[in-house]
Amino acid sequence: MGKVALALVVVGALNWLLVGLFEWDLVTALFGGDFHRESSWLSRIVYILVGISGLYCIRYLFTDDAHART
């Protein structure tokens, strides 16, 4: 269950990275709605930072749970 939750967090972070860099919402594009977002520069910086954090967390999907707890 933890790996599934982490995978969803990473996907969400990557979506915010796309919003921050290109003002394009992947999830909305896939599931319907207006996929182009207008954002302030400050919110775009936050979205980019969240996306970079998600990229960093991808490594935790491939680590052993017992090793991660120590």
Protein backbone atom coordinates (compact mmCIF):
# COMPACT_ATOMS: atom_id res chain seq x y z
CA MET A 1 0.00 0.00 0.00
CA GLY A 2 2.85 2.38 0.79
CA LYS A 3 4.42 1.95 -2.66
CA VAL A 4 1.07 2.69 -4.35
CA ALA A 5 0.65 5.85 -2.28
CA LEU A 6 4.22 6.93 -3.05
CA ALA A 7 3.69 6.28 -6.77
CA LEU A 8 0.56 8.48 -6.72
CA VAL A 9 2.46 11.22 -4.91
CA VAL A 10 5.21 11.08 -7.54
CA VAL A 11 2.64 11.25 -10.36
CA GLY A 12 0.99 14.23 -8.67
CA ALA A 13 4.33 15.96 -8.22
CA LEU A 14 5.23 15.39 -11.87
CA ASN A 15 1.88 16.87 -12.84
CA TRP A 16 2.66 19.99 -10.79
CA LEU A 17 6.08 20.17 -12.42
CA LEU A 18 4.38 20.27 -15.82
CA VAL A 19 2.00 22.96 -14.57
CA GLY A 20 4.92 24.98 -13.22
CA LEU A 21 7.08 24.69 -16.31
CA PHE A 22 4.54 24.69 -19.13
CA GLU A 23 1.21 25.69 -17.49
CA TRP A 24 -0.10 22.32 -18.73
CA ASP A 25 -2.07 19.94 -16.47
CA LEU A 26 -1.52 16.30 -17.51
CA VAL A 27 -4.19 14.81 -15.24
CA THR A 28 -6.87 17.20 -16.51
CA ALA A 29 -5.76 16.60 -20.10
CA LEU A 30 -6.15 12.85 -19.61
CA PHE A 31 -9.44 12.90 -17.70
CA GLY A 32 -11.15 15.97 -19.13
CA GLY A 33 -11.31 19.67 -18.46
CA ASP A 34 -9.34 22.78 -19.29
CA PHE A 35 -5.75 21.54 -19.20
CA HIS A 36 -4.09 24.93 -19.65
CA ARG A 37 -3.64 26.81 -16.35
CA GLU A 38 -2.76 30.44 -15.86
CA SER A 39 -0.57 30.80 -12.76
CA SER A 40 1.38 33.55 -11.02
CA TRP A 41 5.16 33.30 -11.09
CA LEU A 42 5.26 32.56 -7.36
CA SER A 43 2.83 29.65 -7.62
CA ARG A 44 4.76 28.33 -10.62
CA ILE A 45 7.94 28.28 -8.53
CA VAL A 46 6.14 26.30 -5.83
CA TYR A 47 4.79 23.86 -8.45
CA ILE A 48 8.29 23.37 -9.87
CA LEU A 49 9.76 22.72 -6.40
CA VAL A 50 7.04 20.16 -5.67
CA GLY A 51 7.76 18.49 -9.01
CA ILE A 52 11.49 18.32 -8.36
CA SER A 53 10.75 16.80 -4.95
CA GLY A 54 8.62 14.17 -6.67
CA LEU A 55 11.47 13.33 -9.02
CA TYR A 56 13.72 12.90 -6.01
CA CYS A 57 11.19 10.57 -4.35
CA ILE A 58 11.14 8.18 -7.32
CA ARG A 59 14.22 6.52 -5.81
CA TYR A 60 12.17 5.44 -2.79
CA LEU A 61 9.92 3.35 -5.02
CA PHE A 62 12.89 1.08 -5.69
CA THR A 63 14.37 0.80 -2.21
CA ASP A 64 13.81 -2.14 0.09
CA ASP A 65 11.31 -1.29 2.85
CA ALA A 66 13.46 -2.93 5.55
CA HIS A 67 16.46 -0.88 4.44
CA ALA A 68 14.42 2.34 4.38
CA ARG A 69 13.34 1.92 8.02
CA THR A 70 16.88 1.83 9.38
